[in-house]
Amino acid sequence: SHMWEALSEIYHNLKPRYVEINEEVLEIAMEVAEKDKYLREYFSDCLIVAQAIYDPFSTHLFTLDNLIINSKVIRDISVSRKKEGKRYRNLQIWEPSKI
């Protein structure tokens, strides 16, 4: 499908690097779970989001999960970390079908 071809092209062009789970990633995941009453039930999602937020070079997170897409908490944490100098850009959360 067109969506998967677009994602494949993005992946090959960006050559993404993956962030390991470390203490700060866990702290971010705990903050997301603490502040977002919907996401706290899905801690694995909190970890995925935390990795994206922790990486100062990440710009986009593609997901089909509406809890993540609509989370004000995730946006607020990303903005806060940018203000603290821990991110270069705010994290944009996109649904692949909107590409």
Protein backbone atom coordinates (compact mmCIF):
# COMPACT_ATOMS: atom_id res chain seq x y z
CA SER A 1 0.00 0.00 0.00
CA HIS A 2 0.99 3.63 -0.41
CA MET A 3 1.25 4.16 3.34
CA TRP A 4 3.79 1.34 3.84
CA GLU A 5 5.82 2.47 0.84
CA ALA A 6 5.97 5.99 2.29
CA LEU A 7 7.03 4.68 5.72
CA SER A 8 9.66 2.45 4.13
CA GLU A 9 11.07 5.41 2.20
CA ILE A 10 11.16 7.54 5.36
CA TYR A 11 12.92 4.75 7.24
CA HIS A 12 15.57 4.28 4.57
CA ASN A 13 16.16 8.03 4.16
CA LEU A 14 16.42 8.77 7.88
CA LYS A 15 18.38 5.66 8.90
CA PRO A 16 16.94 5.90 12.42
CA ARG A 17 18.90 4.97 15.50
CA TYR A 18 17.14 3.40 18.43
CA VAL A 19 17.40 4.54 22.03
CA GLU A 20 17.85 1.89 24.68
CA ILE A 21 15.72 1.89 27.80
CA ASN A 22 17.70 3.63 30.52
CA GLU A 23 16.85 5.26 33.84
CA GLU A 24 15.76 8.56 32.27
CA VAL A 25 13.52 6.78 29.74
CA LEU A 26 11.90 4.92 32.64
CA GLU A 27 11.40 8.21 34.51
CA ILE A 28 9.70 9.73 31.47
CA ALA A 29 7.50 6.64 31.07
CA MET A 30 6.53 6.87 34.74
CA GLU A 31 5.70 10.58 34.31
CA VAL A 32 3.49 9.80 31.31
CA ALA A 33 1.74 7.00 33.23
CA GLU A 34 1.32 9.19 36.30
CA LYS A 35 -0.16 12.14 34.41
CA ASP A 36 -2.19 10.38 31.68
CA LYS A 37 -4.96 8.32 33.25
CA TYR A 38 -5.70 6.58 29.95
CA LEU A 39 -2.15 5.57 29.03
CA ARG A 40 -1.21 4.37 32.53
CA GLU A 41 -3.04 1.12 31.81
CA TYR A 42 -0.70 0.48 28.84
CA PHE A 43 2.79 0.89 30.26
CA SER A 44 4.43 -0.57 27.16
CA ASP A 45 2.97 2.38 25.21
CA CYS A 46 4.39 4.73 27.86
CA LEU A 47 7.83 3.19 27.28
CA ILE A 48 7.59 3.60 23.50
CA VAL A 49 6.56 7.23 23.86
CA ALA A 50 9.24 7.84 26.49
CA GLN A 51 11.94 6.61 24.13
CA ALA A 52 10.74 9.03 21.45
CA ILE A 53 10.57 11.90 23.95
CA TYR A 54 14.00 11.09 25.41
CA ASP A 55 15.79 11.13 22.04
CA PRO A 56 16.69 14.81 21.49
CA PHE A 57 16.86 14.29 17.71
CA SER A 58 13.51 12.53 17.22
CA THR A 59 10.97 14.62 15.37
CA HIS A 60 8.02 12.32 14.65
CA LEU A 61 6.28 9.35 16.19
CA PHE A 62 4.00 7.40 13.85
CA THR A 63 1.22 5.43 15.53
CA LEU A 64 -2.32 4.22 15.07
CA ASP A 65 -2.99 4.44 18.82
CA ASN A 66 -5.55 7.18 19.50
CA LEU A 67 -4.56 7.33 23.18
CA ILE A 68 -1.08 8.41 22.10
CA ILE A 69 -2.24 10.63 19.24
CA ASN A 70 -4.65 12.56 21.50
CA SER A 71 -2.46 12.76 24.62
CA LYS A 72 -1.93 16.33 25.83
CA VAL A 73 0.45 14.94 28.47
CA ILE A 74 2.84 13.63 25.80
CA ARG A 75 2.83 16.96 23.97
CA ASP A 76 3.36 18.87 27.23
CA ILE A 77 6.31 16.70 28.29
CA SER A 78 7.92 17.10 24.86
CA VAL A 79 7.52 20.89 25.00
CA SER A 80 8.86 21.00 28.56
CA ARG A 81 11.96 18.98 27.64
CA LYS A 82 12.58 21.29 24.67
CA LYS A 83 12.41 24.32 26.99
CA GLU A 84 14.89 22.56 29.30
CA GLY A 85 17.28 22.09 26.36
CA LYS A 86 16.82 18.30 26.31
CA ARG A 87 15.14 18.23 22.87
CA TYR A 88 15.90 20.13 19.68
CA ARG A 89 12.30 20.04 18.40
CA ASN A 90 8.88 19.22 19.77
CA LEU A 91 7.78 15.66 19.06
CA GLN A 92 5.09 15.45 16.38
CA ILE A 93 2.72 12.49 16.65
CA TRP A 94 1.21 11.37 13.36
CA GLU A 95 -1.16 8.70 12.23
CA PRO A 96 0.35 6.92 9.18
CA SER A 97 -2.93 7.10 7.25
CA LYS A 98 -2.68 10.92 7.41
CA ILE A 99 0.62 10.93 5.45
